[in-house]
Amino acid sequence: MVKIIYKTHDGDVSEIDVPEGWSVMQAAVSNGVDGIEAECGGSCCCATCHCYVDEGFADKLAAPNDQEEGMLDNTVAERRSNSRLSCQITVTPALEGMVVTLPEVQS
């Protein structure tokens, strides 16, 4: 298990032990984390699992593919340099302790 820390826009924190190979979105939905809607269920076609990844972990993530980049252009909340779709982040041991902050709105 890999500990991922989810912070809502207003500061609520959930620490979740996530099985390796799951997506950050899948773990949030399975554990009732508020702030990730995940309308498309993880198929990278809705941008309702937008999150801001702790910049200290940016080099541990695969770069966003063209599809994710396109969806990030359509997020309701501000897109930042550390914006990602949580459905596209696969949990690995290298992400132990990663903090993802959720925007105020998804849709």
PDB file of N, CA and C in Angstrom:
ATOM      1  N   MET A   1       0.837  -1.184   0.000  1.00  0.00           N
ATOM      2  CA  MET A   1       0.000   0.000   0.000  1.00  0.00           C
ATOM      3  C   MET A   1       0.882   1.248   0.000  1.00  0.00           C
ATOM      4  N   VAL A   2       0.365   2.268  -0.664  1.00  0.00           N
ATOM      5  CA  VAL A   2       1.077   3.540  -0.787  1.00  0.00           C
ATOM      6  C   VAL A   2       0.178   4.627  -0.211  1.00  0.00           C
ATOM      7  N   LYS A   3       0.691   5.420   0.711  1.00  0.00           N
ATOM      8  CA  LYS A   3      -0.108   6.484   1.320  1.00  0.00           C
ATOM      9  C   LYS A   3      -0.169   7.685   0.382  1.00  0.00           C
ATOM     10  N   ILE A   4      -1.400   8.070   0.007  1.00  0.00           N
ATOM     11  CA  ILE A   4      -1.655   9.276  -0.769  1.00  0.00           C
ATOM     12  C   ILE A   4      -2.498  10.196   0.111  1.00  0.00           C
ATOM     13  N   ILE A   5      -2.161  11.466   0.110  1.00  0.00           N
ATOM     14  CA  ILE A   5      -2.846  12.441   0.959  1.00  0.00           C
ATOM     15  C   ILE A   5      -3.665  13.371   0.068  1.00  0.00           C
ATOM     16  N   TYR A   6      -4.957  13.432   0.341  1.00  0.00           N
ATOM     17  CA  TYR A   6      -5.887  14.263  -0.418  1.00  0.00           C
ATOM     18  C   TYR A   6      -6.277  15.453   0.453  1.00  0.00           C
ATOM     19  N   LYS A   7      -6.130  16.660  -0.107  1.00  0.00           N
ATOM     20  CA  LYS A   7      -6.534  17.876   0.598  1.00  0.00           C
ATOM     21  C   LYS A   7      -7.622  18.563  -0.215  1.00  0.00           C
ATOM     22  N   THR A   8      -8.728  18.889   0.445  1.00  0.00           N
ATOM     23  CA  THR A   8      -9.766  19.644  -0.242  1.00  0.00           C
ATOM     24  C   THR A   8      -9.354  21.112  -0.297  1.00  0.00           C
ATOM     25  N   HIS A   9     -10.057  21.870  -1.116  1.00  0.00           N
ATOM     26  CA  HIS A   9      -9.734  23.297  -1.256  1.00  0.00           C
ATOM     27  C   HIS A   9      -9.871  24.045   0.068  1.00  0.00           C
ATOM     28  N   ASP A  10     -10.699  23.524   0.969  1.00  0.00           N
ATOM     29  CA  ASP A  10     -10.884  24.213   2.252  1.00  0.00           C
ATOM     30  C   ASP A  10     -10.070  23.594   3.388  1.00  0.00           C
ATOM     31  N   GLY A  11      -9.149  22.684   3.056  1.00  0.00           N
ATOM     32  CA  GLY A  11      -8.202  22.200   4.049  1.00  0.00           C
ATOM     33  C   GLY A  11      -8.472  20.855   4.692  1.00  0.00           C
ATOM     34  N   ASP A  12      -9.607  20.209   4.394  1.00  0.00           N
ATOM     35  CA  ASP A  12      -9.841  18.872   4.943  1.00  0.00           C
ATOM     36  C   ASP A  12      -8.825  17.905   4.340  1.00  0.00           C
ATOM     37  N   VAL A  13      -8.310  16.997   5.166  1.00  0.00           N
ATOM     38  CA  VAL A  13      -7.273  16.075   4.725  1.00  0.00           C
ATOM     39  C   VAL A  13      -7.733  14.632   4.924  1.00  0.00           C
ATOM     40  N   SER A  14      -7.500  13.807   3.895  1.00  0.00           N
ATOM     41  CA  SER A  14      -7.745  12.364   3.977  1.00  0.00           C
ATOM     42  C   SER A  14      -6.464  11.656   3.578  1.00  0.00           C
ATOM     43  N   GLU A  15      -5.961  10.803   4.456  1.00  0.00           N
ATOM     44  CA  GLU A  15      -4.797   9.983   4.133  1.00  0.00           C
ATOM     45  C   GLU A  15      -5.307   8.588   3.819  1.00  0.00           C
ATOM     46  N   ILE A  16      -4.982   8.104   2.635  1.00  0.00           N
ATOM     47  CA  ILE A  16      -5.519   6.821   2.186  1.00  0.00           C
ATOM     48  C   ILE A  16      -4.376   5.901   1.778  1.00  0.00           C
ATOM     49  N   ASP A  17      -4.424   4.675   2.249  1.00  0.00           N
ATOM     50  CA  ASP A  17      -3.493   3.648   1.806  1.00  0.00           C
ATOM     51  C   ASP A  17      -4.055   3.053   0.528  1.00  0.00           C
ATOM     52  N   VAL A  18      -3.326   3.234  -0.558  1.00  0.00           N
ATOM     53  CA  VAL A  18      -3.798   2.881  -1.892  1.00  0.00           C
ATOM     54  C   VAL A  18      -3.001   1.694  -2.436  1.00  0.00           C
ATOM     55  N   PRO A  19      -3.685   0.699  -2.984  1.00  0.00           N
ATOM     56  CA  PRO A  19      -2.954  -0.411  -3.590  1.00  0.00           C
ATOM     57  C   PRO A  19      -2.132   0.060  -4.790  1.00  0.00           C
ATOM     58  N   GLU A  20      -0.938  -0.455  -4.895  1.00  0.00           N
ATOM     59  CA  GLU A  20      -0.096  -0.149  -6.050  1.00  0.00           C
ATOM     60  C   GLU A  20      -0.850  -0.557  -7.324  1.00  0.00           C
ATOM     61  N   GLY A  21      -0.790   0.300  -8.331  1.00  0.00           N
ATOM     62  CA  GLY A  21      -1.453   0.019  -9.603  1.00  0.00           C
ATOM     63  C   GLY A  21      -2.811   0.691  -9.754  1.00  0.00           C
ATOM     64  N   TRP A  22      -3.411   1.119  -8.647  1.00  0.00           N
ATOM     65  CA  TRP A  22      -4.666   1.864  -8.723  1.00  0.00           C
ATOM     66  C   TRP A  22      -4.362   3.278  -9.196  1.00  0.00           C
ATOM     67  N   SER A  23      -5.391   3.957  -9.670  1.00  0.00           N
ATOM     68  CA  SER A  23      -5.219   5.374  -9.978  1.00  0.00           C
ATOM     69  C   SER A  23      -5.535   6.192  -8.730  1.00  0.00           C
ATOM     70  N   VAL A  24      -5.008   7.406  -8.696  1.00  0.00           N
ATOM     71  CA  VAL A  24      -5.298   8.320  -7.594  1.00  0.00           C
ATOM     72  C   VAL A  24      -6.798   8.592  -7.537  1.00  0.00           C
ATOM     73  N   MET A  25      -7.451   8.677  -8.699  1.00  0.00           N
ATOM     74  CA  MET A  25      -8.898   8.884  -8.767  1.00  0.00           C
ATOM     75  C   MET A  25      -9.660   7.686  -8.208  1.00  0.00           C
ATOM     76  N   GLN A  26      -9.275   6.495  -8.605  1.00  0.00           N
ATOM     77  CA  GLN A  26      -9.947   5.270  -8.160  1.00  0.00           C
ATOM     78  C   GLN A  26      -9.921   5.168  -6.636  1.00  0.00           C
ATOM     79  N   ALA A  27      -8.791   5.485  -6.041  1.00  0.00           N
ATOM     80  CA  ALA A  27      -8.682   5.425  -4.583  1.00  0.00           C
ATOM     81  C   ALA A  27      -9.579   6.468  -3.926  1.00  0.00           C
ATOM     82  N   ALA A  28      -9.637   7.668  -4.494  1.00  0.00           N
ATOM     83  CA  ALA A  28     -10.486   8.724  -3.930  1.00  0.00           C
ATOM     84  C   ALA A  28     -11.953   8.326  -3.987  1.00  0.00           C
ATOM     85  N   VAL A  29     -12.394   7.841  -5.122  1.00  0.00           N
ATOM     86  CA  VAL A  29     -13.802   7.456  -5.282  1.00  0.00           C
ATOM     87  C   VAL A  29     -14.139   6.283  -4.363  1.00  0.00           C
ATOM     88  N   SER A  30     -13.268   5.309  -4.292  1.00  0.00           N
ATOM     89  CA  SER A  30     -13.511   4.129  -3.468  1.00  0.00           C
ATOM     90  C   SER A  30     -13.554   4.450  -1.977  1.00  0.00           C
ATOM     91  N   ASN A  31     -12.937   5.560  -1.606  1.00  0.00           N
ATOM     92  CA  ASN A  31     -12.875   5.937  -0.193  1.00  0.00           C
ATOM     93  C   ASN A  31     -13.701   7.170   0.143  1.00  0.00           C
ATOM     94  N   GLY A  32     -14.565   7.593  -0.767  1.00  0.00           N
ATOM     95  CA  GLY A  32     -15.494   8.683  -0.495  1.00  0.00           C
ATOM     96  C   GLY A  32     -14.855  10.043  -0.299  1.00  0.00           C
ATOM     97  N   VAL A  33     -13.748  10.302  -0.972  1.00  0.00           N
ATOM     98  CA  VAL A  33     -13.104  11.613  -0.871  1.00  0.00           C
ATOM     99  C   VAL A  33     -13.956  12.637  -1.622  1.00  0.00           C
ATOM    100  N   ASP A  34     -14.367  13.675  -0.919  1.00  0.00           N
ATOM    101  CA  ASP A  34     -15.122  14.752  -1.556  1.00  0.00           C
ATOM    102  C   ASP A  34     -14.202  15.562  -2.447  1.00  0.00           C
ATOM    103  N   GLY A  35     -14.727  15.977  -3.598  1.00  0.00           N
ATOM    104  CA  GLY A  35     -13.970  16.868  -4.465  1.00  0.00           C
ATOM    105  C   GLY A  35     -13.524  16.242  -5.764  1.00  0.00           C
ATOM    106  N   ILE A  36     -13.699  14.938  -5.916  1.00  0.00           N
ATOM    107  CA  ILE A  36     -13.423  14.278  -7.188  1.00  0.00           C
ATOM    108  C   ILE A  36     -14.722  13.653  -7.657  1.00  0.00           C
ATOM    109  N   GLU A  37     -15.235  14.154  -8.782  1.00  0.00           N
ATOM    110  CA  GLU A  37     -16.502  13.650  -9.304  1.00  0.00           C
ATOM    111  C   GLU A  37     -16.309  12.413 -10.167  1.00  0.00           C
ATOM    112  N   ALA A  38     -15.293  12.414 -11.015  1.00  0.00           N
ATOM    113  CA  ALA A  38     -14.964  11.256 -11.858  1.00  0.00           C
ATOM    114  C   ALA A  38     -16.148  10.769 -12.681  1.00  0.00           C
ATOM    115  N   GLU A  39     -16.804  11.689 -13.370  1.00  0.00           N
ATOM    116  CA  GLU A  39     -18.001  11.350 -14.146  1.00  0.00           C
ATOM    117  C   GLU A  39     -17.760  10.272 -15.198  1.00  0.00           C
ATOM    118  N   CYS A  40     -16.576  10.242 -15.789  1.00  0.00           N
ATOM    119  CA  CYS A  40     -16.328   9.267 -16.864  1.00  0.00           C
ATOM    120  C   CYS A  40     -15.749   7.959 -16.335  1.00  0.00           C
ATOM    121  N   GLY A  41     -15.546   7.869 -15.035  1.00  0.00           N
ATOM    122  CA  GLY A  41     -15.064   6.629 -14.448  1.00  0.00           C
ATOM    123  C   GLY A  41     -13.600   6.332 -14.710  1.00  0.00           C
ATOM    124  N   GLY A  42     -12.855   7.312 -15.168  1.00  0.00           N
ATOM    125  CA  GLY A  42     -11.419   7.104 -15.352  1.00  0.00           C
ATOM    126  C   GLY A  42     -10.971   6.944 -16.781  1.00  0.00           C
ATOM    127  N   SER A  43     -11.821   7.274 -17.732  1.00  0.00           N
ATOM    128  CA  SER A  43     -11.441   7.094 -19.140  1.00  0.00           C
ATOM    129  C   SER A  43     -10.867   8.359 -19.779  1.00  0.00           C
ATOM    130  N   CYS A  44     -10.537   9.342 -18.972  1.00  0.00           N
ATOM    131  CA  CYS A  44      -9.864  10.562 -19.433  1.00  0.00           C
ATOM    132  C   CYS A  44     -10.693  11.319 -20.473  1.00  0.00           C
ATOM    133  N   CYS A  45     -11.990  11.474 -20.168  1.00  0.00           N
ATOM    134  CA  CYS A  45     -12.812  12.215 -21.129  1.00  0.00           C
ATOM    135  C   CYS A  45     -13.788  13.182 -20.466  1.00  0.00           C
ATOM    136  N   CYS A  46     -13.523  13.590 -19.205  1.00  0.00           N
ATOM    137  CA  CYS A  46     -14.450  14.531 -18.580  1.00  0.00           C
ATOM    138  C   CYS A  46     -13.761  15.624 -17.768  1.00  0.00           C
ATOM    139  N   ALA A  47     -12.565  15.429 -17.309  1.00  0.00           N
ATOM    140  CA  ALA A  47     -11.795  16.397 -16.511  1.00  0.00           C
ATOM    141  C   ALA A  47     -12.423  16.711 -15.154  1.00  0.00           C
ATOM    142  N   THR A  48     -13.275  15.815 -14.633  1.00  0.00           N
ATOM    143  CA  THR A  48     -13.878  16.052 -13.312  1.00  0.00           C
ATOM    144  C   THR A  48     -13.122  15.340 -12.191  1.00  0.00           C
ATOM    145  N   CYS A  49     -11.878  14.977 -12.471  1.00  0.00           N
ATOM    146  CA  CYS A  49     -10.997  14.427 -11.435  1.00  0.00           C
ATOM    147  C   CYS A  49      -9.715  15.249 -11.372  1.00  0.00           C
ATOM    148  N   HIS A  50      -9.830  16.497 -11.787  1.00  0.00           N
ATOM    149  CA  HIS A  50      -8.713  17.438 -11.795  1.00  0.00           C
ATOM    150  C   HIS A  50      -8.141  17.576 -10.390  1.00  0.00           C
ATOM    151  N   CYS A  51      -6.818  17.622 -10.300  1.00  0.00           N
ATOM    152  CA  CYS A  51      -6.166  17.848  -9.015  1.00  0.00           C
ATOM    153  C   CYS A  51      -4.863  18.593  -9.235  1.00  0.00           C
ATOM    154  N   TYR A  52      -4.334  19.110  -8.139  1.00  0.00           N
ATOM    155  CA  TYR A  52      -3.035  19.767  -8.149  1.00  0.00           C
ATOM    156  C   TYR A  52      -2.072  18.869  -7.378  1.00  0.00           C
ATOM    157  N   VAL A  53      -1.031  18.427  -8.049  1.00  0.00           N
ATOM    158  CA  VAL A  53      -0.073  17.493  -7.465  1.00  0.00           C
ATOM    159  C   VAL A  53       1.053  18.262  -6.798  1.00  0.00           C
ATOM    160  N   ASP A  54       1.427  17.824  -5.604  1.00  0.00           N
ATOM    161  CA  ASP A  54       2.572  18.393  -4.901  1.00  0.00           C
ATOM    162  C   ASP A  54       3.753  18.430  -5.875  1.00  0.00           C
ATOM    163  N   GLU A  55       4.297  19.619  -6.081  1.00  0.00           N
ATOM    164  CA  GLU A  55       5.340  19.789  -7.101  1.00  0.00           C
ATOM    165  C   GLU A  55       6.596  18.973  -6.822  1.00  0.00           C
ATOM    166  N   GLY A  56       6.791  18.557  -5.592  1.00  0.00           N
ATOM    167  CA  GLY A  56       7.925  17.703  -5.264  1.00  0.00           C
ATOM    168  C   GLY A  56       7.826  16.305  -5.864  1.00  0.00           C
ATOM    169  N   PHE A  57       6.646  15.964  -6.364  1.00  0.00           N
ATOM    170  CA  PHE A  57       6.431  14.644  -6.958  1.00  0.00           C
ATOM    171  C   PHE A  57       6.330  14.695  -8.478  1.00  0.00           C
ATOM    172  N   ALA A  58       6.425  15.858  -9.068  1.00  0.00           N
ATOM    173  CA  ALA A  58       6.235  16.009 -10.517  1.00  0.00           C
ATOM    174  C   ALA A  58       7.176  15.110 -11.313  1.00  0.00           C
ATOM    175  N   ASP A  59       8.414  14.989 -10.873  1.00  0.00           N
ATOM    176  CA  ASP A  59       9.374  14.178 -11.619  1.00  0.00           C
ATOM    177  C   ASP A  59       9.163  12.678 -11.421  1.00  0.00           C
ATOM    178  N   LYS A  60       8.266  12.307 -10.534  1.00  0.00           N
ATOM    179  CA  LYS A  60       7.969  10.892 -10.295  1.00  0.00           C
ATOM    180  C   LYS A  60       6.768  10.411 -11.111  1.00  0.00           C
ATOM    181  N   LEU A  61       6.119  11.343 -11.814  1.00  0.00           N
ATOM    182  CA  LEU A  61       4.936  11.020 -12.619  1.00  0.00           C
ATOM    183  C   LEU A  61       5.298  10.966 -14.095  1.00  0.00           C
ATOM    184  N   ALA A  62       4.623  10.078 -14.814  1.00  0.00           N
ATOM    185  CA  ALA A  62       4.761  10.090 -16.268  1.00  0.00           C
ATOM    186  C   ALA A  62       4.179  11.399 -16.777  1.00  0.00           C
ATOM    187  N   ALA A  63       4.743  11.922 -17.830  1.00  0.00           N
ATOM    188  CA  ALA A  63       4.223  13.159 -18.418  1.00  0.00           C
ATOM    189  C   ALA A  63       2.804  12.930 -18.930  1.00  0.00           C
ATOM    190  N   PRO A  64       1.959  13.958 -18.877  1.00  0.00           N
ATOM    191  CA  PRO A  64       0.600  13.802 -19.409  1.00  0.00           C
ATOM    192  C   PRO A  64       0.647  13.519 -20.913  1.00  0.00           C
ATOM    193  N   ASN A  65      -0.215  12.606 -21.357  1.00  0.00           N
ATOM    194  CA  ASN A  65      -0.290  12.352 -22.794  1.00  0.00           C
ATOM    195  C   ASN A  65      -1.148  13.437 -23.458  1.00  0.00           C
ATOM    196  N   ASP A  66      -1.253  13.390 -24.773  1.00  0.00           N
ATOM    197  CA  ASP A  66      -2.002  14.420 -25.508  1.00  0.00           C
ATOM    198  C   ASP A  66      -3.457  14.497 -25.080  1.00  0.00           C
ATOM    199  N   GLN A  67      -4.074  13.346 -24.801  1.00  0.00           N
ATOM    200  CA  GLN A  67      -5.474  13.336 -24.393  1.00  0.00           C
ATOM    201  C   GLN A  67      -5.650  14.043 -23.049  1.00  0.00           C
ATOM    202  N   GLU A  68      -4.786  13.727 -22.083  1.00  0.00           N
ATOM    203  CA  GLU A  68      -4.872  14.394 -20.787  1.00  0.00           C
ATOM    204  C   GLU A  68      -4.611  15.892 -20.934  1.00  0.00           C
ATOM    205  N   GLU A  69      -3.616  16.268 -21.722  1.00  0.00           N
ATOM    206  CA  GLU A  69      -3.332  17.689 -21.951  1.00  0.00           C
ATOM    207  C   GLU A  69      -4.570  18.408 -22.485  1.00  0.00           C
ATOM    208  N   GLY A  70      -5.256  17.786 -23.445  1.00  0.00           N
ATOM    209  CA  GLY A  70      -6.458  18.379 -24.002  1.00  0.00           C
ATOM    210  C   GLY A  70      -7.563  18.531 -22.979  1.00  0.00           C
ATOM    211  N   MET A  71      -7.731  17.528 -22.128  1.00  0.00           N
ATOM    212  CA  MET A  71      -8.768  17.599 -21.099  1.00  0.00           C
ATOM    213  C   MET A  71      -8.412  18.652 -20.043  1.00  0.00           C
ATOM    214  N   LEU A  72      -7.146  18.780 -19.728  1.00  0.00           N
ATOM    215  CA  LEU A  72      -6.731  19.791 -18.750  1.00  0.00           C
ATOM    216  C   LEU A  72      -7.024  21.206 -19.253  1.00  0.00           C
ATOM    217  N   ASP A  73      -7.081  21.382 -20.551  1.00  0.00           N
ATOM    218  CA  ASP A  73      -7.446  22.686 -21.115  1.00  0.00           C
ATOM    219  C   ASP A  73      -8.916  23.007 -20.878  1.00  0.00           C
ATOM    220  N   ASN A  74      -9.702  22.008 -20.454  1.00  0.00           N
ATOM    221  CA  ASN A  74     -11.143  22.180 -20.272  1.00  0.00           C
ATOM    222  C   ASN A  74     -11.594  22.082 -18.817  1.00  0.00           C
ATOM    223  N   THR A  75     -10.675  22.176 -17.886  1.00  0.00           N
ATOM    224  CA  THR A  75     -11.077  22.104 -16.481  1.00  0.00           C
ATOM    225  C   THR A  75     -11.841  23.366 -16.081  1.00  0.00           C
ATOM    226  N   VAL A  76     -12.784  23.200 -15.171  1.00  0.00           N
ATOM    227  CA  VAL A  76     -13.559  24.332 -14.679  1.00  0.00           C
ATOM    228  C   VAL A  76     -12.687  25.204 -13.772  1.00  0.00           C
ATOM    229  N   ALA A  77     -11.940  24.559 -12.887  1.00  0.00           N
ATOM    230  CA  ALA A  77     -11.039  25.294 -11.989  1.00  0.00           C
ATOM    231  C   ALA A  77      -9.778  25.683 -12.758  1.00  0.00           C
ATOM    232  N   GLU A  78      -9.082  26.642 -12.225  1.00  0.00           N
ATOM    233  CA  GLU A  78      -7.854  27.135 -12.847  1.00  0.00           C
ATOM    234  C   GLU A  78      -6.871  25.999 -13.127  1.00  0.00           C
ATOM    235  N   ARG A  79      -6.351  25.981 -14.359  1.00  0.00           N
ATOM    236  CA  ARG A  79      -5.275  25.046 -14.669  1.00  0.00           C
ATOM    237  C   ARG A  79      -3.965  25.678 -14.224  1.00  0.00           C
ATOM    238  N   ARG A  80      -3.165  24.873 -13.513  1.00  0.00           N
ATOM    239  CA  ARG A  80      -1.864  25.324 -13.024  1.00  0.00           C
ATOM    240  C   ARG A  80      -0.774  24.423 -13.599  1.00  0.00           C
ATOM    241  N   SER A  81       0.464  24.785 -13.356  1.00  0.00           N
ATOM    242  CA  SER A  81       1.574  23.983 -13.868  1.00  0.00           C
ATOM    243  C   SER A  81       1.587  22.577 -13.276  1.00  0.00           C
ATOM    244  N   ASN A  82       0.978  22.416 -12.093  1.00  0.00           N
ATOM    245  CA  ASN A  82       0.942  21.105 -11.436  1.00  0.00           C
ATOM    246  C   ASN A  82      -0.429  20.433 -11.552  1.00  0.00           C
ATOM    247  N   SER A  83      -1.253  20.901 -12.480  1.00  0.00           N
ATOM    248  CA  SER A  83      -2.567  20.281 -12.711  1.00  0.00           C
ATOM    249  C   SER A  83      -2.402  18.936 -13.395  1.00  0.00           C
ATOM    250  N   ARG A  84      -3.175  17.977 -12.914  1.00  0.00           N
ATOM    251  CA  ARG A  84      -3.229  16.651 -13.536  1.00  0.00           C
ATOM    252  C   ARG A  84      -4.638  16.116 -13.390  1.00  0.00           C
ATOM    253  N   LEU A  85      -4.955  15.108 -14.181  1.00  0.00           N
ATOM    254  CA  LEU A  85      -6.194  14.357 -13.994  1.00  0.00           C
ATOM    255  C   LEU A  85      -5.828  13.155 -13.142  1.00  0.00           C
ATOM    256  N   SER A  86      -6.501  13.017 -12.014  1.00  0.00           N
ATOM    257  CA  SER A  86      -6.129  11.950 -11.073  1.00  0.00           C
ATOM    258  C   SER A  86      -6.379  10.561 -11.644  1.00  0.00           C
ATOM    259  N   CYS A  87      -7.226  10.455 -12.659  1.00  0.00           N
ATOM    260  CA  CYS A  87      -7.449   9.147 -13.294  1.00  0.00           C
ATOM    261  C   CYS A  87      -6.234   8.685 -14.089  1.00  0.00           C
ATOM    262  N   GLN A  88      -5.330   9.604 -14.384  1.00  0.00           N
ATOM    263  CA  GLN A  88      -4.162   9.281 -15.196  1.00  0.00           C
ATOM    264  C   GLN A  88      -2.891   9.099 -14.371  1.00  0.00           C
ATOM    265  N   ILE A  89      -3.039   9.149 -13.054  1.00  0.00           N
ATOM    266  CA  ILE A  89      -1.881   8.956 -12.172  1.00  0.00           C
ATOM    267  C   ILE A  89      -1.978   7.571 -11.558  1.00  0.00           C
ATOM    268  N   THR A  90      -1.086   6.692 -11.976  1.00  0.00           N
ATOM    269  CA  THR A  90      -1.035   5.342 -11.434  1.00  0.00           C
ATOM    270  C   THR A  90      -0.153   5.336 -10.194  1.00  0.00           C
ATOM    271  N   VAL A  91      -0.672   4.776  -9.125  1.00  0.00           N
ATOM    272  CA  VAL A  91       0.039   4.761  -7.851  1.00  0.00           C
ATOM    273  C   VAL A  91       1.179   3.741  -7.902  1.00  0.00           C
ATOM    274  N   THR A  92       2.361   4.240  -7.552  1.00  0.00           N
ATOM    275  CA  THR A  92       3.565   3.416  -7.438  1.00  0.00           C
ATOM    276  C   THR A  92       4.213   3.719  -6.094  1.00  0.00           C
ATOM    277  N   PRO A  93       5.125   2.872  -5.626  1.00  0.00           N
ATOM    278  CA  PRO A  93       5.802   3.155  -4.362  1.00  0.00           C
ATOM    279  C   PRO A  93       6.518   4.511  -4.345  1.00  0.00           C
ATOM    280  N   ALA A  94       6.932   5.016  -5.487  1.00  0.00           N
ATOM    281  CA  ALA A  94       7.615   6.310  -5.554  1.00  0.00           C
ATOM    282  C   ALA A  94       6.705   7.467  -5.145  1.00  0.00           C
ATOM    283  N   LEU A  95       5.389   7.232  -5.110  1.00  0.00           N
ATOM    284  CA  LEU A  95       4.444   8.287  -4.764  1.00  0.00           C
ATOM    285  C   LEU A  95       4.079   8.297  -3.282  1.00  0.00           C
ATOM    286  N   GLU A  96       4.741   7.497  -2.477  1.00  0.00           N
ATOM    287  CA  GLU A  96       4.478   7.445  -1.034  1.00  0.00           C
ATOM    288  C   GLU A  96       4.488   8.852  -0.439  1.00  0.00           C
ATOM    289  N   GLY A  97       3.369   9.232   0.193  1.00  0.00           N
ATOM    290  CA  GLY A  97       3.263  10.526   0.847  1.00  0.00           C
ATOM    291  C   GLY A  97       2.877  11.684  -0.061  1.00  0.00           C
ATOM    292  N   MET A  98       2.590  11.405  -1.317  1.00  0.00           N
ATOM    293  CA  MET A  98       2.223  12.474  -2.250  1.00  0.00           C
ATOM    294  C   MET A  98       0.934  13.160  -1.805  1.00  0.00           C
ATOM    295  N   VAL A  99       0.935  14.471  -1.897  1.00  0.00           N
ATOM    296  CA  VAL A  99      -0.241  15.266  -1.566  1.00  0.00           C
ATOM    297  C   VAL A  99      -0.871  15.742  -2.864  1.00  0.00           C
ATOM    298  N   VAL A 100      -2.174  15.491  -3.004  1.00  0.00           N
ATOM    299  CA  VAL A 100      -2.932  16.060  -4.111  1.00  0.00           C
ATOM    300  C   VAL A 100      -3.983  16.980  -3.511  1.00  0.00           C
ATOM    301  N   THR A 101      -4.049  18.183  -4.036  1.00  0.00           N
ATOM    302  CA  THR A 101      -5.010  19.165  -3.568  1.00  0.00           C
ATOM    303  C   THR A 101      -6.125  19.261  -4.601  1.00  0.00           C
ATOM    304  N   LEU A 102      -7.360  19.255  -4.125  1.00  0.00           N
ATOM    305  CA  LEU A 102      -8.511  19.252  -5.007  1.00  0.00           C
ATOM    306  C   LEU A 102      -9.044  20.670  -5.169  1.00  0.00           C
ATOM    307  N   PRO A 103      -9.410  21.034  -6.395  1.00  0.00           N
ATOM    308  CA  PRO A 103      -9.943  22.379  -6.614  1.00  0.00           C
ATOM    309  C   PRO A 103     -11.327  22.530  -5.989  1.00  0.00           C
ATOM    310  N   GLU A 104     -11.781  23.771  -5.892  1.00  0.00           N
ATOM    311  CA  GLU A 104     -13.074  24.049  -5.287  1.00  0.00           C
ATOM    312  C   GLU A 104     -14.228  23.455  -6.087  1.00  0.00           C
ATOM    313  N   VAL A 105     -14.108  23.433  -7.410  1.00  0.00           N
ATOM    314  CA  VAL A 105     -15.172  22.889  -8.263  1.00  0.00           C
ATOM    315  C   VAL A 105     -14.564  21.997  -9.337  1.00  0.00           C
ATOM    316  N   GLN A 106     -15.365  21.041  -9.797  1.00  0.00           N
ATOM    317  CA  GLN A 106     -14.960  20.161 -10.887  1.00  0.00           C
ATOM    318  C   GLN A 106     -15.843  20.342 -12.120  1.00  0.00           C
ATOM    319  N   SER A 107     -17.094  20.696 -11.901  1.00  0.00           N
ATOM    320  CA  SER A 107     -17.999  20.857 -13.048  1.00  0.00           C
ATOM    321  C   SER A 107     -18.914  22.028 -12.822  1.00  0.00           C
TER     322      SER A 107
END
